[in-house]
C-alpha cells in the first residue's frame, strides 16, 4: 500500500507540473481585454485594447473581472486533473470514497 501511495504522490506532482503547460484563455465580454494563465494560476499574457488605456477605472474593472474568471476556470481544471489522478490511483479506504464525490 505504501508503494501505491508513493506512486500516486509522484503522479500528483507530475500532474501539477503539467498544469504549468495547460493554458486558460479568458476575455472581457467585448474582447477589449484578453488574458492567458496556466492551470496553476500563473499569468502568461495580457492584451489590452487601446480604448481601455484611456479609462483607468474601466481598465482596472476589466482586469479584476477577467482575471477572476480565468483564475476560477484554471482552478477547476487543476482540481479536476488532480482528482482524476487521486481517484484512479488511490486505494479505496473505507469512508474515503465520500471525498471524491
PDB file of N, CA and C in Angstrom:
ATOM      1  N   UNK A   1       0.825  -1.195   0.000  1.00  0.00           N
ATOM      2  CA  UNK A   1       0.000   0.000   0.000  1.00  0.00           C
ATOM      3  C   UNK A   1       0.870   1.261   0.000  1.00  0.00           C
ATOM      4  N   UNK A   2       2.004   1.243   0.693  1.00  0.00           N
ATOM      5  CA  UNK A   2       2.882   2.413   0.725  1.00  0.00           C
ATOM      6  C   UNK A   2       3.434   2.697  -0.672  1.00  0.00           C
ATOM      7  N   UNK A   3       3.723   1.642  -1.414  1.00  0.00           N
ATOM      8  CA  UNK A   3       4.208   1.822  -2.776  1.00  0.00           C
ATOM      9  C   UNK A   3       3.162   2.497  -3.645  1.00  0.00           C
ATOM     10  N   UNK A   4       1.921   2.110  -3.465  1.00  0.00           N
ATOM     11  CA  UNK A   4       0.816   2.706  -4.228  1.00  0.00           C
ATOM     12  C   UNK A   4       0.666   4.182  -3.858  1.00  0.00           C
ATOM     13  N   UNK A   5       0.805   4.497  -2.587  1.00  0.00           N
ATOM     14  CA  UNK A   5       0.704   5.881  -2.143  1.00  0.00           C
ATOM     15  C   UNK A   5       1.839   6.727  -2.726  1.00  0.00           C
ATOM     16  N   UNK A   6       3.041   6.179  -2.735  1.00  0.00           N
ATOM     17  CA  UNK A   6       4.183   6.902  -3.306  1.00  0.00           C
ATOM     18  C   UNK A   6       3.992   7.122  -4.806  1.00  0.00           C
ATOM     19  N   UNK A   7       3.474   6.111  -5.485  1.00  0.00           N
ATOM     20  CA  UNK A   7       3.210   6.227  -6.921  1.00  0.00           C
ATOM     21  C   UNK A   7       2.161   7.312  -7.186  1.00  0.00           C
ATOM     22  N   UNK A   8       1.124   7.324  -6.371  1.00  0.00           N
ATOM     23  CA  UNK A   8       0.083   8.346  -6.517  1.00  0.00           C
ATOM     24  C   UNK A   8       0.660   9.730  -6.259  1.00  0.00           C
ATOM     25  N   UNK A   9       1.501   9.849  -5.255  1.00  0.00           N
ATOM     26  CA  UNK A   9       2.127  11.131  -4.948  1.00  0.00           C
ATOM     27  C   UNK A   9       2.994  11.601  -6.126  1.00  0.00           C
ATOM     28  N   UNK A  10       3.733  10.683  -6.726  1.00  0.00           N
ATOM     29  CA  UNK A  10       4.560  11.014  -7.878  1.00  0.00           C
ATOM     30  C   UNK A  10       3.696  11.496  -9.038  1.00  0.00           C
ATOM     31  N   UNK A  11       2.590  10.801  -9.287  1.00  0.00           N
ATOM     32  CA  UNK A  11       1.689  11.187 -10.373  1.00  0.00           C
ATOM     33  C   UNK A  11       1.040  12.540 -10.101  1.00  0.00           C
ATOM     34  N   UNK A  12       0.745  12.811  -8.838  1.00  0.00           N
ATOM     35  CA  UNK A  12       0.166  14.113  -8.474  1.00  0.00           C
ATOM     36  C   UNK A  12       1.179  15.228  -8.766  1.00  0.00           C
ATOM     37  N   UNK A  13       2.425  15.008  -8.430  1.00  0.00           N
ATOM     38  CA  UNK A  13       3.470  16.008  -8.696  1.00  0.00           C
ATOM     39  C   UNK A  13       3.649  16.217 -10.193  1.00  0.00           C
ATOM     40  N   UNK A  14       3.624  15.130 -10.952  1.00  0.00           N
ATOM     41  CA  UNK A  14       3.737  15.237 -12.411  1.00  0.00           C
ATOM     42  C   UNK A  14       2.557  16.028 -12.979  1.00  0.00           C
ATOM     43  N   UNK A  15       1.375  15.780 -12.448  1.00  0.00           N
ATOM     44  CA  UNK A  15       0.178  16.486 -12.901  1.00  0.00           C
ATOM     45  C   UNK A  15       0.298  17.970 -12.595  1.00  0.00           C
ATOM     46  N   UNK A  16       0.785  18.307 -11.405  1.00  0.00           N
ATOM     47  CA  UNK A  16       0.969  19.719 -11.041  1.00  0.00           C
ATOM     48  C   UNK A  16       1.941  20.399 -12.008  1.00  0.00           C
ATOM     49  N   UNK A  17       3.017  19.715 -12.353  1.00  0.00           N
ATOM     50  CA  UNK A  17       3.974  20.284 -13.308  1.00  0.00           C
ATOM     51  C   UNK A  17       3.345  20.449 -14.690  1.00  0.00           C
ATOM     52  N   UNK A  18       2.562  19.456 -15.085  1.00  0.00           N
ATOM     53  CA  UNK A  18       1.905  19.512 -16.399  1.00  0.00           C
ATOM     54  C   UNK A  18       0.917  20.673 -16.462  1.00  0.00           C
ATOM     55  N   UNK A  19       0.320  21.009 -15.331  1.00  0.00           N
ATOM     56  CA  UNK A  19      -0.651  22.109 -15.307  1.00  0.00           C
ATOM     57  C   UNK A  19       0.005  23.454 -15.638  1.00  0.00           C
ATOM     58  N   UNK A  20       1.330  23.523 -15.547  1.00  0.00           N
ATOM     59  CA  UNK A  20       2.040  24.734 -15.971  1.00  0.00           C
ATOM     60  C   UNK A  20       2.014  24.901 -17.487  1.00  0.00           C
ATOM     61  N   UNK A  21       1.692  23.828 -18.203  1.00  0.00           N
ATOM     62  CA  UNK A  21       1.662  23.894 -19.664  1.00  0.00           C
ATOM     63  C   UNK A  21       0.238  24.007 -20.215  1.00  0.00           C
ATOM     64  N   UNK A  22      -0.755  23.843 -19.350  1.00  0.00           N
ATOM     65  CA  UNK A  22      -2.155  23.961 -19.768  1.00  0.00           C
ATOM     66  C   UNK A  22      -2.553  25.430 -19.671  1.00  0.00           C
ATOM     67  N   UNK A  23      -2.930  26.016 -20.807  1.00  0.00           N
ATOM     68  CA  UNK A  23      -3.249  27.441 -20.851  1.00  0.00           C
ATOM     69  C   UNK A  23      -4.749  27.679 -20.849  1.00  0.00           C
ATOM     70  N   UNK A  24      -5.156  28.659 -20.057  1.00  0.00           N
ATOM     71  CA  UNK A  24      -6.554  29.070 -19.966  1.00  0.00           C
ATOM     72  C   UNK A  24      -6.649  30.478 -20.531  1.00  0.00           C
ATOM     73  N   UNK A  25      -7.462  30.663 -21.559  1.00  0.00           N
ATOM     74  CA  UNK A  25      -7.680  31.974 -22.154  1.00  0.00           C
ATOM     75  C   UNK A  25      -9.017  32.515 -21.679  1.00  0.00           C
ATOM     76  N   UNK A  26      -9.031  33.793 -21.354  1.00  0.00           N
ATOM     77  CA  UNK A  26     -10.275  34.453 -20.950  1.00  0.00           C
ATOM     78  C   UNK A  26     -10.248  35.855 -21.516  1.00  0.00           C
ATOM     79  N   UNK A  27     -11.432  36.397 -21.800  1.00  0.00           N
ATOM     80  CA  UNK A  27     -11.503  37.756 -22.311  1.00  0.00           C
ATOM     81  C   UNK A  27     -12.742  38.446 -21.758  1.00  0.00           C
ATOM     82  N   UNK A  28     -12.700  39.764 -21.789  1.00  0.00           N
ATOM     83  CA  UNK A  28     -13.864  40.546 -21.377  1.00  0.00           C
ATOM     84  C   UNK A  28     -14.985  40.299 -22.379  1.00  0.00           C
ATOM     85  N   UNK A  29     -16.198  40.649 -22.007  1.00  0.00           N
ATOM     86  CA  UNK A  29     -17.354  40.409 -22.878  1.00  0.00           C
ATOM     87  C   UNK A  29     -17.196  41.045 -24.250  1.00  0.00           C
ATOM     88  N   UNK A  30     -16.576  42.214 -24.303  1.00  0.00           N
ATOM     89  CA  UNK A  30     -16.409  42.904 -25.589  1.00  0.00           C
ATOM     90  C   UNK A  30     -15.074  42.593 -26.266  1.00  0.00           C
ATOM     91  N   UNK A  31     -14.252  41.760 -25.643  1.00  0.00           N
ATOM     92  CA  UNK A  31     -12.974  41.367 -26.231  1.00  0.00           C
ATOM     93  C   UNK A  31     -11.878  42.406 -26.101  1.00  0.00           C
ATOM     94  N   UNK A  32     -12.122  43.475 -25.354  1.00  0.00           N
ATOM     95  CA  UNK A  32     -11.130  44.541 -25.223  1.00  0.00           C
ATOM     96  C   UNK A  32      -9.960  44.153 -24.329  1.00  0.00           C
ATOM     97  N   UNK A  33     -10.151  43.136 -23.497  1.00  0.00           N
ATOM     98  CA  UNK A  33      -9.089  42.656 -22.610  1.00  0.00           C
ATOM     99  C   UNK A  33      -9.019  41.144 -22.718  1.00  0.00           C
ATOM    100  N   UNK A  34      -7.831  40.633 -22.945  1.00  0.00           N
ATOM    101  CA  UNK A  34      -7.634  39.191 -23.038  1.00  0.00           C
ATOM    102  C   UNK A  34      -6.483  38.799 -22.127  1.00  0.00           C
ATOM    103  N   UNK A  35      -6.678  37.705 -21.387  1.00  0.00           N
ATOM    104  CA  UNK A  35      -5.619  37.201 -20.511  1.00  0.00           C
ATOM    105  C   UNK A  35      -5.429  35.714 -20.757  1.00  0.00           C
ATOM    106  N   UNK A  36      -4.226  35.265 -20.507  1.00  0.00           N
ATOM    107  CA  UNK A  36      -3.910  33.839 -20.562  1.00  0.00           C
ATOM    108  C   UNK A  36      -3.165  33.497 -19.281  1.00  0.00           C
ATOM    109  N   UNK A  37      -3.640  32.438 -18.610  1.00  0.00           N
ATOM    110  CA  UNK A  37      -2.962  31.948 -17.415  1.00  0.00           C
ATOM    111  C   UNK A  37      -2.802  30.437 -17.546  1.00  0.00           C
ATOM    112  N   UNK A  38      -1.916  29.879 -16.730  1.00  0.00           N
ATOM    113  CA  UNK A  38      -1.778  28.429 -16.706  1.00  0.00           C
ATOM    114  C   UNK A  38      -2.828  27.855 -15.772  1.00  0.00           C
ATOM    115  N   UNK A  39      -3.025  26.548 -15.847  1.00  0.00           N
ATOM    116  CA  UNK A  39      -3.960  25.882 -14.942  1.00  0.00           C
ATOM    117  C   UNK A  39      -3.484  25.963 -13.504  1.00  0.00           C
ATOM    118  N   UNK A  40      -2.221  26.320 -13.292  1.00  0.00           N
ATOM    119  CA  UNK A  40      -1.697  26.552 -11.941  1.00  0.00           C
ATOM    120  C   UNK A  40      -1.860  28.010 -11.519  1.00  0.00           C
ATOM    121  N   UNK A  41      -2.500  28.820 -12.367  1.00  0.00           N
ATOM    122  CA  UNK A  41      -2.803  30.193 -11.998  1.00  0.00           C
ATOM    123  C   UNK A  41      -1.687  31.195 -12.228  1.00  0.00           C
ATOM    124  N   UNK A  42      -0.705  30.839 -13.050  1.00  0.00           N
ATOM    125  CA  UNK A  42       0.380  31.779 -13.355  1.00  0.00           C
ATOM    126  C   UNK A  42       0.014  32.584 -14.600  1.00  0.00           C
ATOM    127  N   UNK A  43       0.080  33.888 -14.476  1.00  0.00           N
ATOM    128  CA  UNK A  43      -0.252  34.778 -15.582  1.00  0.00           C
ATOM    129  C   UNK A  43       0.795  34.648 -16.684  1.00  0.00           C
ATOM    130  N   UNK A  44       0.334  34.431 -17.919  1.00  0.00           N
ATOM    131  CA  UNK A  44       1.241  34.290 -19.055  1.00  0.00           C
ATOM    132  C   UNK A  44       1.190  35.495 -19.988  1.00  0.00           C
ATOM    133  N   UNK A  45      -0.009  36.070 -20.190  1.00  0.00           N
ATOM    134  CA  UNK A  45      -0.100  37.224 -21.080  1.00  0.00           C
ATOM    135  C   UNK A  45      -1.351  38.033 -20.800  1.00  0.00           C
ATOM    136  N   UNK A  46      -1.261  39.314 -21.158  1.00  0.00           N
ATOM    137  CA  UNK A  46      -2.394  40.238 -21.095  1.00  0.00           C
ATOM    138  C   UNK A  46      -2.369  41.059 -22.384  1.00  0.00           C
ATOM    139  N   UNK A  47      -3.514  41.169 -23.037  1.00  0.00           N
ATOM    140  CA  UNK A  47      -3.656  42.014 -24.229  1.00  0.00           C
ATOM    141  C   UNK A  47      -4.758  43.027 -23.932  1.00  0.00           C
ATOM    142  N   UNK A  48      -4.420  44.302 -24.061  1.00  0.00           N
ATOM    143  CA  UNK A  48      -5.348  45.380 -23.727  1.00  0.00           C
ATOM    144  C   UNK A  48      -5.591  46.231 -24.971  1.00  0.00           C
ATOM    145  N   UNK A  49      -6.864  46.423 -25.306  1.00  0.00           N
ATOM    146  CA  UNK A  49      -7.220  47.292 -26.436  1.00  0.00           C
ATOM    147  C   UNK A  49      -6.869  48.732 -26.082  1.00  0.00           C
ATOM    148  N   UNK A  50      -6.455  49.486 -27.075  1.00  0.00           N
ATOM    149  CA  UNK A  50      -6.081  50.882 -26.857  1.00  0.00           C
ATOM    150  C   UNK A  50      -7.190  51.688 -26.196  1.00  0.00           C
ATOM    151  N   UNK A  51      -8.427  51.371 -26.508  1.00  0.00           N
ATOM    152  CA  UNK A  51      -9.558  52.127 -25.945  1.00  0.00           C
ATOM    153  C   UNK A  51      -9.612  52.029 -24.417  1.00  0.00           C
ATOM    154  N   UNK A  52      -9.140  50.918 -23.871  1.00  0.00           N
ATOM    155  CA  UNK A  52      -9.149  50.761 -22.413  1.00  0.00           C
ATOM    156  C   UNK A  52      -8.065  51.584 -21.733  1.00  0.00           C
ATOM    157  N   UNK A  53      -7.042  51.955 -22.471  1.00  0.00           N
ATOM    158  CA  UNK A  53      -5.946  52.715 -21.880  1.00  0.00           C
ATOM    159  C   UNK A  53      -6.351  54.149 -21.551  1.00  0.00           C
ATOM    160  N   UNK A  54      -7.474  54.570 -22.082  1.00  0.00           N
ATOM    161  CA  UNK A  54      -7.945  55.933 -21.850  1.00  0.00           C
ATOM    162  C   UNK A  54      -8.759  56.071 -20.575  1.00  0.00           C
ATOM    163  N   UNK A  55      -9.176  54.949 -19.979  1.00  0.00           N
ATOM    164  CA  UNK A  55     -10.028  54.986 -18.791  1.00  0.00           C
ATOM    165  C   UNK A  55      -9.470  54.022 -17.744  1.00  0.00           C
ATOM    166  N   UNK A  56      -8.721  54.568 -16.808  1.00  0.00           N
ATOM    167  CA  UNK A  56      -8.039  53.760 -15.795  1.00  0.00           C
ATOM    168  C   UNK A  56      -9.019  52.913 -14.984  1.00  0.00           C
ATOM    169  N   UNK A  57     -10.123  53.492 -14.544  1.00  0.00           N
ATOM    170  CA  UNK A  57     -11.097  52.753 -13.736  1.00  0.00           C
ATOM    171  C   UNK A  57     -11.706  51.595 -14.509  1.00  0.00           C
ATOM    172  N   UNK A  58     -12.046  51.844 -15.763  1.00  0.00           N
ATOM    173  CA  UNK A  58     -12.617  50.781 -16.579  1.00  0.00           C
ATOM    174  C   UNK A  58     -11.596  49.662 -16.782  1.00  0.00           C
ATOM    175  N   UNK A  59     -10.356  50.021 -17.040  1.00  0.00           N
ATOM    176  CA  UNK A  59      -9.307  49.021 -17.213  1.00  0.00           C
ATOM    177  C   UNK A  59      -9.152  48.188 -15.953  1.00  0.00           C
ATOM    178  N   UNK A  60      -9.122  48.835 -14.807  1.00  0.00           N
ATOM    179  CA  UNK A  60      -8.996  48.115 -13.540  1.00  0.00           C
ATOM    180  C   UNK A  60     -10.166  47.147 -13.343  1.00  0.00           C
ATOM    181  N   UNK A  61     -11.384  47.621 -13.633  1.00  0.00           N
ATOM    182  CA  UNK A  61     -12.563  46.762 -13.514  1.00  0.00           C
ATOM    183  C   UNK A  61     -12.464  45.556 -14.451  1.00  0.00           C
ATOM    184  N   UNK A  62     -12.074  45.815 -15.693  1.00  0.00           N
ATOM    185  CA  UNK A  62     -11.923  44.729 -16.667  1.00  0.00           C
ATOM    186  C   UNK A  62     -10.884  43.714 -16.183  1.00  0.00           C
ATOM    187  N   UNK A  63      -9.766  44.204 -15.677  1.00  0.00           N
ATOM    188  CA  UNK A  63      -8.714  43.303 -15.197  1.00  0.00           C
ATOM    189  C   UNK A  63      -9.225  42.422 -14.062  1.00  0.00           C
ATOM    190  N   UNK A  64      -9.911  43.013 -13.112  1.00  0.00           N
ATOM    191  CA  UNK A  64     -10.410  42.247 -11.969  1.00  0.00           C
ATOM    192  C   UNK A  64     -11.381  41.164 -12.428  1.00  0.00           C
ATOM    193  N   UNK A  65     -12.365  41.543 -13.214  1.00  0.00           N
ATOM    194  CA  UNK A  65     -13.391  40.594 -13.648  1.00  0.00           C
ATOM    195  C   UNK A  65     -12.783  39.491 -14.515  1.00  0.00           C
ATOM    196  N   UNK A  66     -11.993  39.877 -15.489  1.00  0.00           N
ATOM    197  CA  UNK A  66     -11.441  38.910 -16.439  1.00  0.00           C
ATOM    198  C   UNK A  66     -10.427  37.980 -15.776  1.00  0.00           C
ATOM    199  N   UNK A  67      -9.557  38.529 -14.955  1.00  0.00           N
ATOM    200  CA  UNK A  67      -8.593  37.677 -14.252  1.00  0.00           C
ATOM    201  C   UNK A  67      -9.290  36.723 -13.285  1.00  0.00           C
ATOM    202  N   UNK A  68     -10.295  37.188 -12.588  1.00  0.00           N
ATOM    203  CA  UNK A  68     -11.016  36.307 -11.672  1.00  0.00           C
ATOM    204  C   UNK A  68     -11.704  35.165 -12.412  1.00  0.00           C
ATOM    205  N   UNK A  69     -12.281  35.447 -13.582  1.00  0.00           N
ATOM    206  CA  UNK A  69     -12.899  34.381 -14.373  1.00  0.00           C
ATOM    207  C   UNK A  69     -11.844  33.369 -14.817  1.00  0.00           C
ATOM    208  N   UNK A  70     -10.687  33.855 -15.244  1.00  0.00           N
ATOM    209  CA  UNK A  70      -9.615  32.960 -15.692  1.00  0.00           C
ATOM    210  C   UNK A  70      -9.100  32.118 -14.528  1.00  0.00           C
ATOM    211  N   UNK A  71      -8.925  32.739 -13.383  1.00  0.00           N
ATOM    212  CA  UNK A  71      -8.437  32.016 -12.201  1.00  0.00           C
ATOM    213  C   UNK A  71      -9.436  30.936 -11.788  1.00  0.00           C
ATOM    214  N   UNK A  72     -10.711  31.254 -11.847  1.00  0.00           N
ATOM    215  CA  UNK A  72     -11.746  30.276 -11.495  1.00  0.00           C
ATOM    216  C   UNK A  72     -11.711  29.081 -12.448  1.00  0.00           C
ATOM    217  N   UNK A  73     -11.599  29.350 -13.743  1.00  0.00           N
ATOM    218  CA  UNK A  73     -11.503  28.264 -14.725  1.00  0.00           C
ATOM    219  C   UNK A  73     -10.255  27.416 -14.478  1.00  0.00           C
ATOM    220  N   UNK A  74      -9.136  28.079 -14.232  1.00  0.00           N
ATOM    221  CA  UNK A  74      -7.881  27.366 -14.001  1.00  0.00           C
ATOM    222  C   UNK A  74      -7.988  26.474 -12.774  1.00  0.00           C
ATOM    223  N   UNK A  75      -8.595  26.977 -11.728  1.00  0.00           N
ATOM    224  CA  UNK A  75      -8.742  26.188 -10.501  1.00  0.00           C
ATOM    225  C   UNK A  75      -9.588  24.945 -10.749  1.00  0.00           C
ATOM    226  N   UNK A  76     -10.639  25.085 -11.552  1.00  0.00           N
ATOM    227  CA  UNK A  76     -11.493  23.941 -11.861  1.00  0.00           C
ATOM    228  C   UNK A  76     -10.747  22.893 -12.674  1.00  0.00           C
ATOM    229  N   UNK A  77      -9.983  23.336 -13.670  1.00  0.00           N
ATOM    230  CA  UNK A  77      -9.202  22.405 -14.491  1.00  0.00           C
ATOM    231  C   UNK A  77      -8.166  21.693 -13.617  1.00  0.00           C
ATOM    232  N   UNK A  78      -7.458  22.463 -12.815  1.00  0.00           N
ATOM    233  CA  UNK A  78      -6.429  21.910 -11.942  1.00  0.00           C
ATOM    234  C   UNK A  78      -7.026  20.876 -10.997  1.00  0.00           C
ATOM    235  N   UNK A  79      -8.118  21.227 -10.337  1.00  0.00           N
ATOM    236  CA  UNK A  79      -8.735  20.316  -9.378  1.00  0.00           C
ATOM    237  C   UNK A  79      -9.255  19.055 -10.054  1.00  0.00           C
ATOM    238  N   UNK A  80      -9.851  19.203 -11.224  1.00  0.00           N
ATOM    239  CA  UNK A  80     -10.358  18.034 -11.943  1.00  0.00           C
ATOM    240  C   UNK A  80      -9.231  17.073 -12.300  1.00  0.00           C
ATOM    241  N   UNK A  81      -8.101  17.607 -12.727  1.00  0.00           N
ATOM    242  CA  UNK A  81      -6.952  16.765 -13.073  1.00  0.00           C
ATOM    243  C   UNK A  81      -6.399  16.048 -11.841  1.00  0.00           C
ATOM    244  N   UNK A  82      -6.240  16.783 -10.748  1.00  0.00           N
ATOM    245  CA  UNK A  82      -5.715  16.163  -9.529  1.00  0.00           C
ATOM    246  C   UNK A  82      -6.692  15.140  -8.966  1.00  0.00           C
ATOM    247  N   UNK A  83      -7.988  15.447  -9.016  1.00  0.00           N
ATOM    248  CA  UNK A  83      -8.990  14.487  -8.544  1.00  0.00           C
ATOM    249  C   UNK A  83      -8.966  13.215  -9.372  1.00  0.00           C
ATOM    250  N   UNK A  84      -8.777  13.358 -10.682  1.00  0.00           N
ATOM    251  CA  UNK A  84      -8.740  12.186 -11.559  1.00  0.00           C
ATOM    252  C   UNK A  84      -7.568  11.283 -11.200  1.00  0.00           C
ATOM    253  N   UNK A  85      -6.412  11.867 -10.943  1.00  0.00           N
ATOM    254  CA  UNK A  85      -5.241  11.075 -10.560  1.00  0.00           C
ATOM    255  C   UNK A  85      -5.491  10.385  -9.229  1.00  0.00           C
ATOM    256  N   UNK A  86      -6.006  11.128  -8.276  1.00  0.00           N
ATOM    257  CA  UNK A  86      -6.229  10.564  -6.942  1.00  0.00           C
ATOM    258  C   UNK A  86      -7.267   9.452  -6.978  1.00  0.00           C
ATOM    259  N   UNK A  87      -8.332   9.656  -7.717  1.00  0.00           N
ATOM    260  CA  UNK A  87      -9.411   8.669  -7.754  1.00  0.00           C
ATOM    261  C   UNK A  87      -8.967   7.374  -8.419  1.00  0.00           C
ATOM    262  N   UNK A  88      -8.181   7.488  -9.483  1.00  0.00           N
ATOM    263  CA  UNK A  88      -7.727   6.302 -10.207  1.00  0.00           C
ATOM    264  C   UNK A  88      -6.659   5.548  -9.432  1.00  0.00           C
ATOM    265  N   UNK A  89      -5.737   6.278  -8.812  1.00  0.00           N
ATOM    266  CA  UNK A  89      -4.560   5.644  -8.243  1.00  0.00           C
ATOM    267  C   UNK A  89      -4.616   5.380  -6.738  1.00  0.00           C
ATOM    268  N   UNK A  90      -5.505   6.006  -6.046  1.00  0.00           N
ATOM    269  CA  UNK A  90      -5.542   5.821  -4.597  1.00  0.00           C
ATOM    270  C   UNK A  90      -6.289   4.542  -4.248  1.00  0.00           C
ATOM    271  N   UNK A  91      -5.754   3.776  -3.317  1.00  0.00           N
ATOM    272  CA  UNK A  91      -6.501   2.602  -2.856  1.00  0.00           C
ATOM    273  C   UNK A  91      -7.727   3.087  -2.084  1.00  0.00           C
ATOM    274  N   UNK A  92      -8.838   2.400  -2.257  1.00  0.00           N
ATOM    275  CA  UNK A  92     -10.053   2.805  -1.566  1.00  0.00           C
ATOM    276  C   UNK A  92      -9.998   2.358  -0.106  1.00  0.00           C
ATOM    277  N   UNK A  93     -10.021   3.336   0.747  1.00  0.00           N
ATOM    278  CA  UNK A  93     -10.042   3.122   2.178  1.00  0.00           C
ATOM    279  C   UNK A  93     -11.483   3.364   2.609  1.00  0.00           C
ATOM    280  N   UNK A  94     -12.040   2.514   3.439  1.00  0.00           N
ATOM    281  CA  UNK A  94     -13.442   2.708   3.840  1.00  0.00           C
ATOM    282  C   UNK A  94     -13.704   4.145   4.295  1.00  0.00           C
ATOM    283  N   UNK A  95     -14.759   4.734   3.708  1.00  0.00           N
ATOM    284  CA  UNK A  95     -15.130   6.107   4.044  1.00  0.00           C
ATOM    285  C   UNK A  95     -14.472   7.159   3.179  1.00  0.00           C
ATOM    286  N   UNK A  96     -13.397   6.800   2.480  1.00  0.00           N
ATOM    287  CA  UNK A  96     -12.670   7.763   1.667  1.00  0.00           C
ATOM    288  C   UNK A  96     -13.399   8.065   0.359  1.00  0.00           C
ATOM    289  N   UNK A  97     -14.245   7.139  -0.095  1.00  0.00           N
ATOM    290  CA  UNK A  97     -14.929   7.370  -1.356  1.00  0.00           C
ATOM    291  C   UNK A  97     -15.825   8.602  -1.301  1.00  0.00           C
ATOM    292  N   UNK A  98     -16.245   9.002  -0.120  1.00  0.00           N
ATOM    293  CA  UNK A  98     -17.054  10.209   0.036  1.00  0.00           C
ATOM    294  C   UNK A  98     -16.266  11.459  -0.344  1.00  0.00           C
ATOM    295  N   UNK A  99     -14.949  11.418  -0.216  1.00  0.00           N
ATOM    296  CA  UNK A  99     -14.107  12.580  -0.532  1.00  0.00           C
ATOM    297  C   UNK A  99     -14.089  12.865  -2.027  1.00  0.00           C
ATOM    298  N   UNK A 100     -14.356  11.870  -2.858  1.00  0.00           N
ATOM    299  CA  UNK A 100     -14.211  12.022  -4.296  1.00  0.00           C
ATOM    300  C   UNK A 100     -15.543  12.207  -5.007  1.00  0.00           C
ATOM    301  N   UNK A 101     -16.580  12.535  -4.273  1.00  0.00           N
ATOM    302  CA  UNK A 101     -17.897  12.791  -4.894  1.00  0.00           C
ATOM    303  C   UNK A 101     -18.045  14.250  -5.195  1.00  0.00           C
TER     304      UNK A 101
END
